[in-house]
Protein backbone atom coordinates (compact mmCIF):
# COMPACT_ATOMS: atom_id res chain seq x y z
CA MET A 1 -20.21 -39.82 4.54
CA LYS A 2 -22.77 -37.89 3.25
CA LEU A 3 -22.28 -34.80 5.30
CA THR A 4 -18.76 -34.68 4.19
CA ARG A 5 -19.56 -35.11 0.62
CA THR A 6 -22.16 -32.30 1.09
CA ASN A 7 -19.39 -30.24 2.38
CA LEU A 8 -16.93 -30.83 -0.04
CA TRP A 9 -19.38 -30.06 -2.53
CA LEU A 10 -20.35 -26.56 -1.20
CA ALA A 11 -16.57 -25.82 -0.84
CA ALA A 12 -15.99 -26.46 -4.53
CA VAL A 13 -19.03 -24.27 -5.54
CA ALA A 14 -18.25 -21.59 -3.46
CA ALA A 15 -14.32 -21.50 -4.57
CA LEU A 16 -15.63 -21.79 -8.14
CA SER A 17 -18.22 -19.03 -7.84
CA LEU A 18 -15.25 -16.59 -6.32
CA THR A 19 -12.92 -17.32 -8.95
CA ALA A 20 -15.29 -16.69 -11.66
CA SER A 21 -16.75 -13.58 -10.01
CA CYS A 22 -12.99 -11.84 -9.91
CA SER A 23 -12.08 -10.10 -13.19
CA GLN A 24 -8.82 -9.30 -14.47
CA ALA A 25 -7.84 -5.66 -15.87
CA PRO A 26 -7.00 -5.49 -19.53
CA ASP A 27 -3.24 -5.01 -20.37
CA ALA A 28 -3.37 -1.20 -21.23
CA GLU A 29 -0.37 -1.73 -23.80
CA LYS A 30 -2.43 -3.96 -25.69
CA ASP A 31 -6.09 -2.36 -25.78
CA PRO A 32 -5.79 1.04 -24.30
CA MET A 33 -9.76 1.78 -24.83
CA ALA A 34 -10.68 -1.80 -22.72
CA ASP A 35 -8.64 -0.56 -20.10
CA ALA A 36 -10.16 2.92 -20.14
CA ALA A 37 -13.73 1.24 -20.33
CA TYR A 38 -12.56 -0.96 -17.44
CA LYS A 39 -11.47 1.57 -15.14
CA ARG A 40 -14.37 3.80 -15.53
CA GLU A 41 -16.68 0.31 -14.63
CA HIS A 42 -14.96 -0.19 -11.75
CA ARG A 43 -14.55 3.13 -9.99
CA ALA A 44 -15.40 3.83 -6.41
CA GLU A 45 -19.46 5.16 -5.84
CA GLY A 46 -17.97 8.18 -4.22
CA TYR A 47 -16.19 9.00 -7.13
CA ARG A 48 -19.01 8.73 -9.65
CA GLU A 49 -21.21 10.61 -7.37
CA ALA A 50 -19.00 13.14 -6.80
CA GLN A 51 -18.61 13.34 -10.82
CA ARG A 52 -22.56 13.81 -11.13
CA SER A 53 -22.66 16.37 -8.98
CA ASN A 54 -22.84 20.34 -9.36
CA VAL A 55 -21.33 21.54 -6.79
CA THR A 56 -19.31 24.52 -6.88
CA ARG A 57 -16.58 25.94 -4.17
CA GLN A 58 -16.88 29.47 -2.93
């Protein structure tokens, strides 16, 4: 019985932490600045690295 309660508690904590970690993108029509900031924060790391580099093509 105690093991069942522990497993149920752990499952509930995991479910809550997963739903809390997901963020909803703001509506671009209501707040364009918030949407742009959200997109900047959630860019892929490779994209950020490419923007930082000063590599030129020859």
